Amino acid sequence: MSYVIASPEALLAAASDLAGIGSAVESANAAAAAPTISLLAAAEDEVSTAIAGLFGTHAREYQAISAQAAAFHDRFMQALSGNAGSYALAEAANLTPLQSFERTVFDAVNAPSYALFGRPLIGNGANGSTPGAAGGAGGLLIGNGGAGAAGAAGQAGGAGGSAGLIGNGGAGGAGGAGGSSFTEGGGGETGAAGGAGGNGGAGGASRLIGNGGAGGAGALGGAAAPGLGSIGPDGQNGTGGACGLLFGNSGATG
């Protein structure tokens, strides 16, 4: 048994190609109409006149058939475009119920796990949403850890979320840049030192099968004020997350 997949994008692209072909054919027919329909006789004799009339009749019949073919082409192109729109509407109509059904199933499966352990059984962890926030842990059974958020100025990046038994750990967030000092050193005084760069967040670990998350990059230290102030120390790169016990690669250090 064969399966047919209808893609609205592919149907619209085909309709656009057909429109271009139809336009090219119509232009060619229009260019050929005048010199073929009004063909002059080669001489004044009856044979030349009859031959010219025969070719002219043939040209007029060809133009009539071409007009019918162009009309059929337009109807076919319009039907193809209409079908593409119908498929797109059907996909949009089916998307919301499917998403709602999926959410209902996952909520029912994950509710006991949330109640006991505070994390889902199946599903990916959420990415950190505030500066320096850690990524959420993936499902205990299957799920990837969420990525840690980048730190604010001088703040460490968030750690990547841990994966479940099967899944990849989340990447650690980058550390925030160290603040610059604006206090100048006066006569014989030392300028203020720049702020330290934030450390990169550690990558999330995988439990059984999967890759550890990459550690976040440490930020550069802030610039010092004029004078003898020292540049702030750079933040340390986050360590990569541990790989799964069976399969997977450890995360790269930031």
Protein backbone atom coordinates (compact mmCIF):
# COMPACT_ATOMS: atom_id res chain seq x y z
CA MET A 1 0.00 0.00 0.00
CA SER A 2 1.43 3.35 -1.03
CA TYR A 3 1.11 6.52 1.03
CA VAL A 4 0.56 9.98 -0.42
CA ILE A 5 1.55 13.12 1.47
CA ALA A 6 0.14 16.48 0.42
CA SER A 7 2.22 19.49 1.35
CA PRO A 8 0.51 22.90 1.00
CA GLU A 9 3.88 24.52 0.34
CA ALA A 10 4.65 22.05 -2.48
CA LEU A 11 1.21 22.57 -4.03
CA LEU A 12 1.60 26.35 -3.95
CA ALA A 13 5.07 26.08 -5.50
CA ALA A 14 3.69 23.85 -8.27
CA ALA A 15 0.86 26.32 -8.93
CA SER A 16 3.39 29.14 -9.19
CA ASP A 17 5.48 27.12 -11.66
CA LEU A 18 2.37 26.36 -13.74
CA ALA A 19 1.49 30.06 -13.79
CA GLY A 20 4.93 30.84 -15.21
CA ILE A 21 4.60 28.12 -17.86
CA GLY A 22 1.14 29.35 -18.87
CA SER A 23 2.36 32.92 -19.18
CA ALA A 24 5.28 31.86 -21.39
CA VAL A 25 3.05 29.76 -23.68
CA GLU A 26 0.49 32.57 -24.04
CA SER A 27 3.24 35.04 -24.95
CA ALA A 28 4.61 32.67 -27.60
CA ASN A 29 1.14 32.09 -29.09
CA ALA A 30 0.44 35.82 -29.21
CA ALA A 31 3.75 36.48 -30.95
CA ALA A 32 3.02 33.78 -33.56
CA ALA A 33 -0.55 34.87 -34.28
CA ALA A 34 0.00 37.89 -36.53
CA PRO A 35 2.61 36.46 -38.94
CA THR A 36 0.77 33.12 -39.34
CA ILE A 37 -2.89 34.16 -39.55
CA SER A 38 -2.31 37.01 -42.03
CA LEU A 39 0.04 35.07 -44.30
CA LEU A 40 0.38 36.73 -47.73
CA ALA A 41 0.27 34.70 -50.92
CA ALA A 42 3.64 34.11 -52.55
CA ALA A 43 2.28 35.08 -55.98
CA GLU A 44 -0.90 36.21 -57.73
CA ASP A 45 -1.86 32.76 -58.97
CA GLU A 46 -4.70 30.68 -57.56
CA VAL A 47 -2.40 27.99 -56.11
CA SER A 48 -0.40 30.48 -54.03
CA THR A 49 -3.62 32.08 -52.80
CA ALA A 50 -5.06 28.69 -51.82
CA ILE A 51 -1.88 27.69 -49.97
CA ALA A 52 -1.80 31.00 -48.06
CA GLY A 53 -5.47 30.55 -47.15
CA LEU A 54 -4.81 26.99 -45.95
CA PHE A 55 -1.98 28.13 -43.70
CA GLY A 56 -4.08 31.02 -42.40
CA THR A 57 -6.97 28.67 -41.59
CA HIS A 58 -4.59 26.32 -39.83
CA ALA A 59 -3.16 29.24 -37.80
CA ARG A 60 -6.65 30.40 -36.75
CA GLU A 61 -7.60 26.87 -35.68
CA TYR A 62 -4.35 26.61 -33.73
CA GLN A 63 -5.07 29.89 -31.92
CA ALA A 64 -8.59 28.68 -31.05
CA ILE A 65 -7.25 25.40 -29.65
CA SER A 66 -4.52 27.30 -27.79
CA ALA A 67 -7.14 29.54 -26.17
CA GLN A 68 -9.06 26.47 -24.98
CA ALA A 69 -5.85 24.92 -23.65
CA ALA A 70 -4.97 28.17 -21.85
CA ALA A 71 -8.43 28.25 -20.24
CA PHE A 72 -8.03 24.64 -19.07
CA HIS A 73 -4.54 25.49 -17.77
CA ASP A 74 -5.93 28.41 -15.77
CA ARG A 75 -8.71 26.27 -14.27
CA PHE A 76 -6.22 23.55 -13.33
CA MET A 77 -3.89 26.11 -11.75
CA GLN A 78 -6.75 27.66 -9.77
CA ALA A 79 -7.86 24.22 -8.57
CA LEU A 80 -4.31 23.42 -7.47
CA SER A 81 -4.02 26.70 -5.57
CA GLY A 82 -7.44 26.15 -3.99
CA ASN A 83 -6.48 22.65 -2.88
CA ALA A 84 -3.29 24.00 -1.33
CA GLY A 85 -5.37 26.48 0.66
CA SER A 86 -7.77 23.71 1.72
CA TYR A 87 -4.91 21.52 2.92
CA ALA A 88 -3.41 24.45 4.84
CA LEU A 89 -6.75 25.18 6.53
CA ALA A 90 -7.20 21.49 7.39
CA GLU A 91 -3.72 21.34 8.93
CA ALA A 92 -4.39 24.48 10.97
CA ALA A 93 -7.75 23.09 12.13
CA ASN A 94 -6.17 19.79 13.20
CA LEU A 95 -3.17 21.36 14.91
CA THR A 96 -4.95 22.82 17.93
CA PRO A 97 -6.89 19.64 18.89
CA LEU A 98 -3.73 17.55 18.53
CA GLN A 99 -1.74 19.93 20.70
CA SER A 100 -4.50 19.94 23.30
CA PHE A 101 -4.66 16.13 23.27
CA GLU A 102 -0.88 15.88 23.60
CA ARG A 103 -0.88 18.32 26.52
CA THR A 104 -3.66 16.37 28.25
CA VAL A 105 -1.80 13.06 27.87
CA PHE A 106 1.49 14.48 29.14
CA ASP A 107 -0.21 16.19 32.08
CA ALA A 108 -1.84 12.90 33.09
CA VAL A 109 1.43 10.97 32.77
CA ASN A 110 3.56 13.56 34.55
CA ALA A 111 1.20 14.49 37.40
CA PRO A 112 2.30 11.68 39.80
CA SER A 113 5.97 12.32 39.04
CA TYR A 114 5.57 16.05 39.70
CA ALA A 115 3.85 15.30 42.99
CA LEU A 116 6.57 12.91 44.20
CA PHE A 117 9.80 14.32 42.73
CA GLY A 118 8.98 17.80 41.50
CA ARG A 119 9.91 17.03 37.89
CA PRO A 120 8.11 15.35 34.98
CA LEU A 121 8.41 11.75 33.90
CA ILE A 122 8.55 12.57 30.18
CA GLY A 123 9.38 15.91 28.60
CA ASN A 124 12.10 18.50 28.12
CA GLY A 125 13.14 20.95 30.80
CA ALA A 126 12.42 24.64 30.32
CA ASN A 127 15.24 27.04 29.43
CA GLY A 128 16.31 29.54 32.07
CA SER A 129 14.24 32.70 31.62
CA THR A 130 15.95 35.22 33.95
CA PRO A 131 19.64 36.23 34.02
CA GLY A 132 21.71 33.49 35.64
CA ALA A 133 18.74 31.12 36.02
CA ALA A 134 19.42 27.40 35.71
CA GLY A 135 17.74 25.32 33.04
CA GLY A 136 14.94 23.02 34.12
CA ALA A 137 15.56 19.30 34.51
CA GLY A 138 14.29 16.96 31.83
CA GLY A 139 11.87 14.12 32.48
CA LEU A 140 13.05 11.35 34.78
CA LEU A 141 12.60 8.80 32.01
CA ILE A 142 12.98 10.71 28.74
CA GLY A 143 13.80 14.37 28.26
CA ASN A 144 16.51 16.92 27.56
CA GLY A 145 17.62 19.42 30.16
CA GLY A 146 16.87 23.08 29.55
CA ALA A 147 19.63 25.55 28.74
CA GLY A 148 20.87 27.86 31.48
CA ALA A 149 20.37 31.59 30.99
CA ALA A 150 23.28 33.96 30.49
CA GLY A 151 24.29 35.93 33.56
CA ALA A 152 23.90 39.66 34.02
CA ALA A 153 26.97 41.88 34.45
CA GLY A 154 29.41 40.09 36.75
CA GLN A 155 26.93 37.27 37.35
CA ALA A 156 27.58 33.59 36.72
CA GLY A 157 25.62 31.94 33.94
CA GLY A 158 22.91 29.48 34.85
CA ALA A 159 23.71 25.78 34.94
CA GLY A 160 22.20 23.56 32.29
CA GLY A 161 19.39 21.28 33.39
CA SER A 162 20.03 17.59 33.96
CA ALA A 163 18.60 15.10 31.49
CA GLY A 164 16.59 12.02 32.35
CA LEU A 165 17.66 8.43 31.81
CA ILE A 166 17.55 9.13 28.08
CA GLY A 167 18.32 12.62 26.85
CA ASN A 168 20.95 15.34 26.55
CA GLY A 169 21.94 17.72 29.32
CA GLY A 170 21.23 21.40 28.82
CA ALA A 171 23.98 23.85 27.90
CA GLY A 172 25.25 26.19 30.61
CA GLY A 173 24.67 29.91 30.23
CA ALA A 174 27.49 32.34 29.50
CA GLY A 175 28.81 34.44 32.37
CA GLY A 176 28.02 38.14 32.48
CA ALA A 177 30.72 40.64 31.56
CA GLY A 178 32.60 42.30 34.40
CA GLY A 179 31.73 45.92 35.09
CA SER A 180 34.14 48.69 34.12
CA SER A 181 35.52 51.07 36.77
CA PHE A 182 35.04 54.80 36.22
CA THR A 183 36.87 56.11 39.33
CA GLU A 184 40.13 57.68 38.23
CA GLY A 185 43.20 57.66 40.43
CA GLY A 186 44.14 61.14 41.65
CA GLY A 187 47.62 62.39 42.53
CA GLY A 188 49.42 59.34 43.88
CA GLU A 189 46.17 57.39 44.11
CA THR A 190 45.38 54.09 42.46
CA GLY A 191 42.47 53.81 40.05
CA ALA A 192 39.69 51.38 40.93
CA ALA A 193 39.91 47.84 39.62
CA GLY A 194 37.48 46.52 37.03
CA GLY A 195 34.79 44.05 38.06
CA ALA A 196 35.31 40.32 37.74
CA GLY A 197 33.67 38.54 34.82
CA GLY A 198 30.95 36.04 35.63
CA ASN A 199 31.70 32.33 35.51
CA GLY A 200 30.07 30.22 32.83
CA GLY A 201 27.34 27.86 33.94
CA ALA A 202 28.05 24.13 34.14
CA GLY A 203 26.52 21.91 31.49
CA GLY A 204 23.76 19.53 32.52
CA ALA A 205 24.54 15.84 32.97
CA SER A 206 22.95 12.90 31.19
CA ARG A 207 22.00 9.85 33.26
CA LEU A 208 22.02 6.74 31.08
CA ILE A 209 21.97 7.50 27.35
CA GLY A 210 22.78 10.94 25.96
CA ASN A 211 25.33 13.71 25.76
CA GLY A 212 26.29 16.07 28.53
CA GLY A 213 25.54 19.75 28.02
CA ALA A 214 28.28 22.17 27.02
CA GLY A 215 29.58 24.47 29.73
CA GLY A 216 28.96 28.19 29.39
CA ALA A 217 31.77 30.56 28.47
CA GLY A 218 33.24 32.73 31.22
CA ALA A 219 33.01 36.47 30.65
CA LEU A 220 35.89 38.92 30.32
CA GLY A 221 36.77 41.05 33.32
CA GLY A 222 35.80 44.70 33.31
CA ALA A 223 38.12 47.47 32.18
CA ALA A 224 40.01 49.42 34.85
CA ALA A 225 39.78 53.15 35.48
CA PRO A 226 42.63 55.43 34.36
CA GLY A 227 45.49 55.28 36.80
CA LEU A 228 47.00 52.12 38.20
CA GLY A 229 43.73 50.21 38.54
CA SER A 230 43.90 46.58 37.48
CA ILE A 231 41.67 44.91 34.94
CA GLY A 232 39.06 42.68 36.54
CA PRO A 233 39.74 38.93 36.41
CA ASP A 234 38.05 36.93 33.69
CA GLY A 235 35.31 34.53 34.66
CA GLN A 236 36.02 30.82 34.52
CA ASN A 237 34.52 28.69 31.79
CA GLY A 238 31.77 26.34 32.87
CA THR A 239 32.53 22.62 32.97
CA GLY A 240 30.84 20.32 30.51
CA GLY A 241 28.16 17.96 31.76
CA ALA A 242 28.83 14.26 32.29
CA CYS A 243 27.69 11.87 29.58
CA GLY A 244 25.30 8.96 30.02
CA LEU A 245 26.55 5.75 31.65
CA LEU A 246 25.87 3.66 28.54
CA PHE A 247 26.14 5.97 25.55
CA GLY A 248 26.97 9.60 24.95
CA ASN A 249 29.72 12.21 24.98
CA SER A 250 30.68 14.53 27.79
CA GLY A 251 29.85 18.17 27.24
CA ALA A 252 32.58 20.53 26.09
CA THR A 253 34.01 23.03 28.55
CA GLY A 254 32.93 26.57 27.76
